[in-house]
Amino acid sequence: NWISHWLGVTGPSYTVDTACSSTMYAMEQAYRNIKFG
């Protein structure tokens, strides 16, 4: 949220916690957010 606030951007803004796979889940969701518009 701090990053979104600083940039003034309006897309989804949230934290993912799936332990050691957290950034892989974040990457997948980011990919799908762009892929599906």
PDB file of all heavy atoms in Angstrom:
ATOM      1  N   ASN A   1       0.817  -1.216   0.000  1.00  0.00           N
ATOM      2  CA  ASN A   1       0.000   0.000   0.000  1.00  0.00           C
ATOM      3  C   ASN A   1       0.851   1.266   0.000  1.00  0.00           C
ATOM      4  O   ASN A   1       0.480   2.266  -0.627  1.00  0.00           O
ATOM      5  CB  ASN A   1      -0.938   0.003   1.203  1.00  0.00           C
ATOM      6  CG  ASN A   1      -1.930  -1.142   1.203  1.00  0.00           C
ATOM      7  OD1 ASN A   1      -2.492  -1.487   2.229  1.00  0.00           O
ATOM      8  ND2 ASN A   1      -2.157  -1.762   0.048  1.00  0.00           N
ATOM      9  N   TRP A   2       1.976   1.247   0.700  1.00  0.00           N
ATOM     10  CA  TRP A   2       2.853   2.417   0.710  1.00  0.00           C
ATOM     11  C   TRP A   2       3.413   2.686  -0.690  1.00  0.00           C
ATOM     12  O   TRP A   2       3.533   3.842  -1.115  1.00  0.00           O
ATOM     13  CB  TRP A   2       4.010   2.204   1.695  1.00  0.00           C
ATOM     14  CG  TRP A   2       3.731   2.716   3.070  1.00  0.00           C
ATOM     15  CD1 TRP A   2       3.528   1.981   4.204  1.00  0.00           C
ATOM     16  CD2 TRP A   2       3.637   4.084   3.478  1.00  0.00           C
ATOM     17  NE1 TRP A   2       3.290   2.804   5.280  1.00  0.00           N
ATOM     18  CE2 TRP A   2       3.357   4.104   4.870  1.00  0.00           C
ATOM     19  CE3 TRP A   2       3.740   5.297   2.804  1.00  0.00           C
ATOM     20  CZ2 TRP A   2       3.195   5.285   5.581  1.00  0.00           C
ATOM     21  CZ3 TRP A   2       3.584   6.480   3.527  1.00  0.00           C
ATOM     22  CH2 TRP A   2       3.315   6.455   4.896  1.00  0.00           C
ATOM     23  N   ILE A   3       3.759   1.620  -1.409  1.00  0.00           N
ATOM     24  CA  ILE A   3       4.275   1.802  -2.774  1.00  0.00           C
ATOM     25  C   ILE A   3       3.195   2.401  -3.666  1.00  0.00           C
ATOM     26  O   ILE A   3       3.443   3.359  -4.417  1.00  0.00           O
ATOM     27  CB  ILE A   3       4.778   0.460  -3.332  1.00  0.00           C
ATOM     28  CG1 ILE A   3       5.989  -0.035  -2.524  1.00  0.00           C
ATOM     29  CG2 ILE A   3       5.145   0.594  -4.809  1.00  0.00           C
ATOM     30  CD1 ILE A   3       6.422  -1.450  -2.863  1.00  0.00           C
ATOM     31  N   SER A   4       1.981   1.850  -3.589  1.00  0.00           N
ATOM     32  CA  SER A   4       0.872   2.359  -4.406  1.00  0.00           C
ATOM     33  C   SER A   4       0.556   3.810  -4.054  1.00  0.00           C
ATOM     34  O   SER A   4       0.263   4.633  -4.938  1.00  0.00           O
ATOM     35  CB  SER A   4      -0.368   1.488  -4.207  1.00  0.00           C
ATOM     36  OG  SER A   4      -0.118   0.160  -4.606  1.00  0.00           O
ATOM     37  N   HIS A   5       0.606   4.133  -2.756  1.00  0.00           N
ATOM     38  CA  HIS A   5       0.329   5.498  -2.300  1.00  0.00           C
ATOM     39  C   HIS A   5       1.376   6.469  -2.831  1.00  0.00           C
ATOM     40  O   HIS A   5       1.032   7.549  -3.343  1.00  0.00           O
ATOM     41  CB  HIS A   5       0.306   5.515  -0.773  1.00  0.00           C
ATOM     42  CG  HIS A   5       0.230   6.886  -0.177  1.00  0.00           C
ATOM     43  ND1 HIS A   5      -0.912   7.651  -0.188  1.00  0.00           N
ATOM     44  CD2 HIS A   5       1.178   7.645   0.444  1.00  0.00           C
ATOM     45  CE1 HIS A   5      -0.683   8.808   0.399  1.00  0.00           C
ATOM     46  NE2 HIS A   5       0.584   8.832   0.789  1.00  0.00           N
ATOM     47  N   TRP A   6       2.625   6.087  -2.733  1.00  0.00           N
ATOM     48  CA  TRP A   6       3.705   6.963  -3.208  1.00  0.00           C
ATOM     49  C   TRP A   6       3.598   7.198  -4.715  1.00  0.00           C
ATOM     50  O   TRP A   6       3.693   8.335  -5.187  1.00  0.00           O
ATOM     51  CB  TRP A   6       5.066   6.354  -2.863  1.00  0.00           C
ATOM     52  CG  TRP A   6       6.190   6.896  -3.694  1.00  0.00           C
ATOM     53  CD1 TRP A   6       6.576   8.190  -3.822  1.00  0.00           C
ATOM     54  CD2 TRP A   6       7.068   6.142  -4.546  1.00  0.00           C
ATOM     55  NE1 TRP A   6       7.640   8.302  -4.690  1.00  0.00           N
ATOM     56  CE2 TRP A   6       7.959   7.064  -5.145  1.00  0.00           C
ATOM     57  CE3 TRP A   6       7.186   4.791  -4.842  1.00  0.00           C
ATOM     58  CZ2 TRP A   6       8.952   6.659  -6.036  1.00  0.00           C
ATOM     59  CZ3 TRP A   6       8.185   4.396  -5.728  1.00  0.00           C
ATOM     60  CH2 TRP A   6       9.050   5.314  -6.318  1.00  0.00           C
ATOM     61  N   LEU A   7       3.333   6.159  -5.478  1.00  0.00           N
ATOM     62  CA  LEU A   7       3.264   6.278  -6.930  1.00  0.00           C
ATOM     63  C   LEU A   7       1.945   6.876  -7.404  1.00  0.00           C
ATOM     64  O   LEU A   7       1.857   7.401  -8.518  1.00  0.00           O
ATOM     65  CB  LEU A   7       3.448   4.903  -7.582  1.00  0.00           C
ATOM     66  CG  LEU A   7       4.841   4.280  -7.485  1.00  0.00           C
ATOM     67  CD1 LEU A   7       4.796   2.838  -7.975  1.00  0.00           C
ATOM     68  CD2 LEU A   7       5.858   5.095  -8.289  1.00  0.00           C
ATOM     69  N   GLY A   8       0.894   6.768  -6.582  1.00  0.00           N
ATOM     70  CA  GLY A   8      -0.425   7.238  -6.999  1.00  0.00           C
ATOM     71  C   GLY A   8      -1.050   6.337  -8.047  1.00  0.00           C
ATOM     72  O   GLY A   8      -1.761   6.809  -8.940  1.00  0.00           O
ATOM     73  N   VAL A   9      -0.797   5.017  -7.942  1.00  0.00           N
ATOM     74  CA  VAL A   9      -1.329   4.069  -8.928  1.00  0.00           C
ATOM     75  C   VAL A   9      -2.615   3.432  -8.409  1.00  0.00           C
ATOM     76  O   VAL A   9      -2.877   3.406  -7.201  1.00  0.00           O
ATOM     77  CB  VAL A   9      -0.288   2.980  -9.267  1.00  0.00           C
ATOM     78  CG1 VAL A   9       0.911   3.623  -9.960  1.00  0.00           C
ATOM     79  CG2 VAL A   9       0.180   2.225  -8.021  1.00  0.00           C
ATOM     80  N   THR A  10      -3.419   2.893  -9.327  1.00  0.00           N
ATOM     81  CA  THR A  10      -4.774   2.481  -8.962  1.00  0.00           C
ATOM     82  C   THR A  10      -5.029   0.980  -9.126  1.00  0.00           C
ATOM     83  O   THR A  10      -6.161   0.530  -8.991  1.00  0.00           O
ATOM     84  CB  THR A  10      -5.797   3.245  -9.822  1.00  0.00           C
ATOM     85  OG1 THR A  10      -5.572   2.944 -11.212  1.00  0.00           O
ATOM     86  CG2 THR A  10      -5.676   4.742  -9.591  1.00  0.00           C
ATOM     87  N   GLY A  11      -3.990   0.205  -9.435  1.00  0.00           N
ATOM     88  CA  GLY A  11      -4.177  -1.230  -9.588  1.00  0.00           C
ATOM     89  C   GLY A  11      -4.245  -1.939  -8.249  1.00  0.00           C
ATOM     90  O   GLY A  11      -4.132  -1.322  -7.182  1.00  0.00           O
ATOM     91  N   PRO A  12      -4.435  -3.275  -8.251  1.00  0.00           N
ATOM     92  CA  PRO A  12      -4.473  -4.048  -7.013  1.00  0.00           C
ATOM     93  C   PRO A  12      -3.191  -3.831  -6.199  1.00  0.00           C
ATOM     94  O   PRO A  12      -2.110  -3.666  -6.761  1.00  0.00           O
ATOM     95  CB  PRO A  12      -4.572  -5.499  -7.500  1.00  0.00           C
ATOM     96  CG  PRO A  12      -5.085  -5.412  -8.889  1.00  0.00           C
ATOM     97  CD  PRO A  12      -4.578  -4.123  -9.445  1.00  0.00           C
ATOM     98  N   SER A  13      -3.340  -3.819  -4.879  1.00  0.00           N
ATOM     99  CA  SER A  13      -2.193  -3.560  -4.007  1.00  0.00           C
ATOM    100  C   SER A  13      -2.338  -4.417  -2.760  1.00  0.00           C
ATOM    101  O   SER A  13      -3.178  -4.146  -1.905  1.00  0.00           O
ATOM    102  CB  SER A  13      -2.150  -2.062  -3.640  1.00  0.00           C
ATOM    103  OG  SER A  13      -1.028  -1.770  -2.821  1.00  0.00           O
ATOM    104  N   TYR A  14      -1.538  -5.475  -2.674  1.00  0.00           N
ATOM    105  CA  TYR A  14      -1.685  -6.376  -1.537  1.00  0.00           C
ATOM    106  C   TYR A  14      -0.424  -7.208  -1.328  1.00  0.00           C
ATOM    107  O   TYR A  14       0.481  -7.227  -2.173  1.00  0.00           O
ATOM    108  CB  TYR A  14      -2.898  -7.284  -1.708  1.00  0.00           C
ATOM    109  CG  TYR A  14      -2.921  -8.131  -2.960  1.00  0.00           C
ATOM    110  CD1 TYR A  14      -2.411  -9.421  -2.975  1.00  0.00           C
ATOM    111  CD2 TYR A  14      -3.497  -7.637  -4.132  1.00  0.00           C
ATOM    112  CE1 TYR A  14      -2.453 -10.199  -4.123  1.00  0.00           C
ATOM    113  CE2 TYR A  14      -3.549  -8.412  -5.282  1.00  0.00           C
ATOM    114  CZ  TYR A  14      -3.025  -9.698  -5.274  1.00  0.00           C
ATOM    115  OH  TYR A  14      -3.073 -10.461  -6.414  1.00  0.00           O
ATOM    116  N   THR A  15      -0.408  -7.894  -0.194  1.00  0.00           N
ATOM    117  CA  THR A  15       0.717  -8.730   0.196  1.00  0.00           C
ATOM    118  C   THR A  15       0.319 -10.198   0.111  1.00  0.00           C
ATOM    119  O   THR A  15      -0.798 -10.563   0.470  1.00  0.00           O
ATOM    120  CB  THR A  15       1.164  -8.390   1.636  1.00  0.00           C
ATOM    121  OG1 THR A  15       1.615  -7.038   1.674  1.00  0.00           O
ATOM    122  CG2 THR A  15       2.289  -9.298   2.095  1.00  0.00           C
ATOM    123  N   VAL A  16       1.247 -11.021  -0.366  1.00  0.00           N
ATOM    124  CA  VAL A  16       1.041 -12.460  -0.466  1.00  0.00           C
ATOM    125  C   VAL A  16       1.978 -13.155   0.505  1.00  0.00           C
ATOM    126  O   VAL A  16       3.178 -12.861   0.550  1.00  0.00           O
ATOM    127  CB  VAL A  16       1.316 -12.960  -1.902  1.00  0.00           C
ATOM    128  CG1 VAL A  16       1.310 -14.484  -1.954  1.00  0.00           C
ATOM    129  CG2 VAL A  16       0.288 -12.400  -2.862  1.00  0.00           C
ATOM    130  N   ASP A  17       1.426 -14.072   1.306  1.00  0.00           N
ATOM    131  CA  ASP A  17       2.258 -14.849   2.224  1.00  0.00           C
ATOM    132  C   ASP A  17       1.916 -16.327   2.056  1.00  0.00           C
ATOM    133  O   ASP A  17       0.912 -16.805   2.559  1.00  0.00           O
ATOM    134  CB  ASP A  17       2.015 -14.412   3.677  1.00  0.00           C
ATOM    135  CG  ASP A  17       2.880 -15.197   4.672  1.00  0.00           C
ATOM    136  OD1 ASP A  17       3.681 -16.044   4.239  1.00  0.00           O
ATOM    137  OD2 ASP A  17       2.739 -14.956   5.898  1.00  0.00           O
ATOM    138  N   THR A  18       2.738 -17.033   1.293  1.00  0.00           N
ATOM    139  CA  THR A  18       2.624 -18.488   1.180  1.00  0.00           C
ATOM    140  C   THR A  18       3.950 -19.131   1.575  1.00  0.00           C
ATOM    141  O   THR A  18       4.386 -20.099   0.980  1.00  0.00           O
ATOM    142  CB  THR A  18       2.228 -18.908  -0.246  1.00  0.00           C
ATOM    143  OG1 THR A  18       3.241 -18.456  -1.166  1.00  0.00           O
ATOM    144  CG2 THR A  18       0.886 -18.328  -0.643  1.00  0.00           C
ATOM    145  N   ALA A  19       4.597 -18.508   2.593  1.00  0.00           N
ATOM    146  CA  ALA A  19       5.899 -18.974   3.083  1.00  0.00           C
ATOM    147  C   ALA A  19       6.935 -18.862   1.963  1.00  0.00           C
ATOM    148  O   ALA A  19       7.003 -17.844   1.292  1.00  0.00           O
ATOM    149  CB  ALA A  19       5.799 -20.386   3.652  1.00  0.00           C
ATOM    150  N   CYS A  20       7.716 -19.922   1.723  1.00  0.00           N
ATOM    151  CA  CYS A  20       8.850 -19.826   0.793  1.00  0.00           C
ATOM    152  C   CYS A  20       8.434 -19.648  -0.661  1.00  0.00           C
ATOM    153  O   CYS A  20       9.262 -19.317  -1.500  1.00  0.00           O
ATOM    154  CB  CYS A  20       9.742 -21.055   0.928  1.00  0.00           C
ATOM    155  SG  CYS A  20      10.478 -21.236   2.563  1.00  0.00           S
ATOM    156  N   SER A  21       7.169 -19.882  -0.965  1.00  0.00           N
ATOM    157  CA  SER A  21       6.693 -19.705  -2.343  1.00  0.00           C
ATOM    158  C   SER A  21       6.021 -18.354  -2.549  1.00  0.00           C
ATOM    159  O   SER A  21       5.419 -18.122  -3.607  1.00  0.00           O
ATOM    160  CB  SER A  21       5.713 -20.827  -2.703  1.00  0.00           C
ATOM    161  OG  SER A  21       4.590 -20.820  -1.838  1.00  0.00           O
ATOM    162  N   SER A  22       6.129 -17.447  -1.595  1.00  0.00           N
ATOM    163  CA  SER A  22       5.375 -16.187  -1.648  1.00  0.00           C
ATOM    164  C   SER A  22       5.600 -15.407  -2.932  1.00  0.00           C
ATOM    165  O   SER A  22       4.646 -14.939  -3.568  1.00  0.00           O
ATOM    166  CB  SER A  22       5.733 -15.309  -0.444  1.00  0.00           C
ATOM    167  OG  SER A  22       5.326 -15.903   0.764  1.00  0.00           O
ATOM    168  N   THR A  23       6.858 -15.247  -3.346  1.00  0.00           N
ATOM    169  CA  THR A  23       7.100 -14.431  -4.536  1.00  0.00           C
ATOM    170  C   THR A  23       6.705 -15.150  -5.815  1.00  0.00           C
ATOM    171  O   THR A  23       6.400 -14.509  -6.815  1.00  0.00           O
ATOM    172  CB  THR A  23       8.570 -13.985  -4.626  1.00  0.00           C
ATOM    173  OG1 THR A  23       9.430 -15.101  -4.384  1.00  0.00           O
ATOM    174  CG2 THR A  23       8.865 -12.899  -3.629  1.00  0.00           C
ATOM    175  N   MET A  24       6.700 -16.478  -5.801  1.00  0.00           N
ATOM    176  CA  MET A  24       6.229 -17.199  -6.979  1.00  0.00           C
ATOM    177  C   MET A  24       4.717 -17.033  -7.140  1.00  0.00           C
ATOM    178  O   MET A  24       4.210 -16.889  -8.247  1.00  0.00           O
ATOM    179  CB  MET A  24       6.602 -18.663  -6.884  1.00  0.00           C
ATOM    180  CG  MET A  24       8.101 -18.942  -6.954  1.00  0.00           C
ATOM    181  SD  MET A  24       8.842 -18.528  -8.577  1.00  0.00           S
ATOM    182  CE  MET A  24       9.392 -16.856  -8.335  1.00  0.00           C
ATOM    183  N   TYR A  25       3.989 -17.055  -6.028  1.00  0.00           N
ATOM    184  CA  TYR A  25       2.558 -16.781  -6.085  1.00  0.00           C
ATOM    185  C   TYR A  25       2.312 -15.334  -6.511  1.00  0.00           C
ATOM    186  O   TYR A  25       1.400 -15.047  -7.294  1.00  0.00           O
ATOM    187  CB  TYR A  25       1.901 -17.058  -4.731  1.00  0.00           C
ATOM    188  CG  TYR A  25       1.397 -18.469  -4.592  1.00  0.00           C
ATOM    189  CD1 TYR A  25       2.252 -19.504  -4.229  1.00  0.00           C
ATOM    190  CD2 TYR A  25       0.065 -18.782  -4.838  1.00  0.00           C
ATOM    191  CE1 TYR A  25       1.808 -20.813  -4.113  1.00  0.00           C
ATOM    192  CE2 TYR A  25      -0.406 -20.086  -4.720  1.00  0.00           C
ATOM    193  CZ  TYR A  25       0.473 -21.095  -4.360  1.00  0.00           C
ATOM    194  OH  TYR A  25       0.022 -22.377  -4.264  1.00  0.00           O
ATOM    195  N   ALA A  26       3.117 -14.411  -5.989  1.00  0.00           N
ATOM    196  CA  ALA A  26       2.973 -13.004  -6.381  1.00  0.00           C
ATOM    197  C   ALA A  26       3.237 -12.835  -7.874  1.00  0.00           C
ATOM    198  O   ALA A  26       2.528 -12.087  -8.565  1.00  0.00           O
ATOM    199  CB  ALA A  26       3.939 -12.143  -5.568  1.00  0.00           C
ATOM    200  N   MET A  27       4.244 -13.539  -8.373  1.00  0.00           N
ATOM    201  CA  MET A  27       4.588 -13.454  -9.798  1.00  0.00           C
ATOM    202  C   MET A  27       3.444 -13.985 -10.660  1.00  0.00           C
ATOM    203  O   MET A  27       3.081 -13.379 -11.680  1.00  0.00           O
ATOM    204  CB  MET A  27       5.864 -14.248 -10.054  1.00  0.00           C
ATOM    205  CG  MET A  27       6.540 -13.937 -11.362  1.00  0.00           C
ATOM    206  SD  MET A  27       7.362 -12.325 -11.280  1.00  0.00           S
ATOM    207  CE  MET A  27       7.982 -12.215 -12.957  1.00  0.00           C
ATOM    208  N   GLU A  28       2.873 -15.097 -10.255  1.00  0.00           N
ATOM    209  CA  GLU A  28       1.765 -15.673 -11.030  1.00  0.00           C
ATOM    210  C   GLU A  28       0.578 -14.709 -11.075  1.00  0.00           C
ATOM    211  O   GLU A  28      -0.022 -14.484 -12.131  1.00  0.00           O
ATOM    212  CB  GLU A  28       1.320 -17.002 -10.429  1.00  0.00           C
ATOM    213  CG  GLU A  28       0.203 -17.660 -11.229  1.00  0.00           C
ATOM    214  CD  GLU A  28      -0.587 -18.695 -10.448  1.00  0.00           C
ATOM    215  OE1 GLU A  28      -0.651 -18.585  -9.209  1.00  0.00           O
ATOM    216  OE2 GLU A  28      -1.149 -19.596 -11.081  1.00  0.00           O
ATOM    217  N   GLN A  29       0.245 -14.128  -9.932  1.00  0.00           N
ATOM    218  CA  GLN A  29      -0.896 -13.234  -9.900  1.00  0.00           C
ATOM    219  C   GLN A  29      -0.631 -11.955 -10.686  1.00  0.00           C
ATOM    220  O   GLN A  29      -1.530 -11.414 -11.339  1.00  0.00           O
ATOM    221  CB  GLN A  29      -1.281 -12.934  -8.455  1.00  0.00           C
ATOM    222  CG  GLN A  29      -1.740 -14.185  -7.724  1.00  0.00           C
ATOM    223  CD  GLN A  29      -2.449 -13.885  -6.417  1.00  0.00           C
ATOM    224  OE1 GLN A  29      -2.991 -12.809  -6.218  1.00  0.00           O
ATOM    225  NE2 GLN A  29      -2.466 -14.861  -5.531  1.00  0.00           N
ATOM    226  N   ALA A  30       0.595 -11.471 -10.653  1.00  0.00           N
ATOM    227  CA  ALA A  30       0.952 -10.291 -11.440  1.00  0.00           C
ATOM    228  C   ALA A  30       0.819 -10.594 -12.934  1.00  0.00           C
ATOM    229  O   ALA A  30       0.273  -9.794 -13.708  1.00  0.00           O
ATOM    230  CB  ALA A  30       2.375  -9.859 -11.107  1.00  0.00           C
ATOM    231  N   TYR A  31       1.323 -11.756 -13.345  1.00  0.00           N
ATOM    232  CA  TYR A  31       1.236 -12.176 -14.743  1.00  0.00           C
ATOM    233  C   TYR A  31      -0.222 -12.221 -15.197  1.00  0.00           C
ATOM    234  O   TYR A  31      -0.581 -11.720 -16.266  1.00  0.00           O
ATOM    235  CB  TYR A  31       1.901 -13.546 -14.876  1.00  0.00           C
ATOM    236  CG  TYR A  31       1.676 -14.251 -16.192  1.00  0.00           C
ATOM    237  CD1 TYR A  31       2.432 -13.919 -17.317  1.00  0.00           C
ATOM    238  CD2 TYR A  31       0.723 -15.262 -16.299  1.00  0.00           C
ATOM    239  CE1 TYR A  31       2.225 -14.580 -18.522  1.00  0.00           C
ATOM    240  CE2 TYR A  31       0.521 -15.927 -17.498  1.00  0.00           C
ATOM    241  CZ  TYR A  31       1.272 -15.585 -18.606  1.00  0.00           C
ATOM    242  OH  TYR A  31       1.075 -16.247 -19.792  1.00  0.00           O
ATOM    243  N   ARG A  32      -1.082 -12.811 -14.369  1.00  0.00           N
ATOM    244  CA  ARG A  32      -2.493 -12.941 -14.741  1.00  0.00           C
ATOM    245  C   ARG A  32      -3.205 -11.585 -14.760  1.00  0.00           C
ATOM    246  O   ARG A  32      -4.107 -11.357 -15.570  1.00  0.00           O
ATOM    247  CB  ARG A  32      -3.189 -13.916 -13.789  1.00  0.00           C
ATOM    248  CG  ARG A  32      -2.681 -15.337 -13.924  1.00  0.00           C
ATOM    249  CD  ARG A  32      -3.449 -16.313 -13.051  1.00  0.00           C
ATOM    250  NE  ARG A  32      -2.883 -17.642 -13.150  1.00  0.00           N
ATOM    251  CZ  ARG A  32      -3.120 -18.504 -14.150  1.00  0.00           C
ATOM    252  NH1 ARG A  32      -3.924 -18.140 -15.138  1.00  0.00           N
ATOM    253  NH2 ARG A  32      -2.565 -19.690 -14.167  1.00  0.00           N
ATOM    254  N   ASN A  33      -2.812 -10.688 -13.872  1.00  0.00           N
ATOM    255  CA  ASN A  33      -3.416  -9.354 -13.855  1.00  0.00           C
ATOM    256  C   ASN A  33      -3.183  -8.618 -15.166  1.00  0.00           C
ATOM    257  O   ASN A  33      -4.068  -7.908 -15.666  1.00  0.00           O
ATOM    258  CB  ASN A  33      -2.865  -8.534 -12.689  1.00  0.00           C
ATOM    259  CG  ASN A  33      -3.669  -8.704 -11.416  1.00  0.00           C
ATOM    260  OD1 ASN A  33      -4.875  -8.501 -11.408  1.00  0.00           O
ATOM    261  ND2 ASN A  33      -3.016  -9.089 -10.342  1.00  0.00           N
ATOM    262  N   ILE A  34      -1.973  -8.763 -15.724  1.00  0.00           N
ATOM    263  CA  ILE A  34      -1.694  -8.112 -17.008  1.00  0.00           C
ATOM    264  C   ILE A  34      -2.332  -8.905 -18.155  1.00  0.00           C
ATOM    265  O   ILE A  34      -2.944  -8.328 -19.056  1.00  0.00           O
ATOM    266  CB  ILE A  34      -0.173  -7.977 -17.233  1.00  0.00           C
ATOM    267  CG1 ILE A  34       0.469  -7.093 -16.149  1.00  0.00           C
ATOM    268  CG2 ILE A  34       0.111  -7.389 -18.616  1.00  0.00           C
ATOM    269  CD1 ILE A  34       1.965  -6.934 -16.284  1.00  0.00           C
ATOM    270  N   LYS A  35      -2.206 -10.217 -18.120  1.00  0.00           N
ATOM    271  CA  LYS A  35      -2.713 -11.070 -19.190  1.00  0.00           C
ATOM    272  C   LYS A  35      -4.211 -10.865 -19.425  1.00  0.00           C
ATOM    273  O   LYS A  35      -4.674 -10.830 -20.568  1.00  0.00           O
ATOM    274  CB  LYS A  35      -2.426 -12.533 -18.868  1.00  0.00           C
ATOM    275  CG  LYS A  35      -2.852 -13.526 -19.956  1.00  0.00           C
ATOM    276  CD  LYS A  35      -2.474 -14.946 -19.569  1.00  0.00           C
ATOM    277  CE  LYS A  35      -2.943 -15.950 -20.609  1.00  0.00           C
ATOM    278  NZ  LYS A  35      -2.247 -15.794 -21.904  1.00  0.00           N
ATOM    279  N   PHE A  36      -4.961 -10.722 -18.337  1.00  0.00           N
ATOM    280  CA  PHE A  36      -6.410 -10.604 -18.466  1.00  0.00           C
ATOM    281  C   PHE A  36      -6.906  -9.163 -18.414  1.00  0.00           C
ATOM    282  O   PHE A  36      -8.100  -8.907 -18.229  1.00  0.00           O
ATOM    283  CB  PHE A  36      -7.099 -11.457 -17.405  1.00  0.00           C
ATOM    284  CG  PHE A  36      -6.805 -12.930 -17.566  1.00  0.00           C
ATOM    285  CD1 PHE A  36      -6.121 -13.625 -16.587  1.00  0.00           C
ATOM    286  CD2 PHE A  36      -7.196 -13.595 -18.710  1.00  0.00           C
ATOM    287  CE1 PHE A  36      -5.840 -14.972 -16.745  1.00  0.00           C
ATOM    288  CE2 PHE A  36      -6.912 -14.949 -18.880  1.00  0.00           C
ATOM    289  CZ  PHE A  36      -6.234 -15.642 -17.896  1.00  0.00           C
ATOM    290  N   GLY A  37      -5.986  -8.195 -18.542  1.00  0.00           N
ATOM    291  CA  GLY A  37      -6.363  -6.815 -18.748  1.00  0.00           C
ATOM    292  C   GLY A  37      -6.717  -6.009 -17.518  1.00  0.00           C
ATOM    293  O   GLY A  37      -7.186  -4.891 -17.632  1.00  0.00           O
TER     294      GLY A  37
END
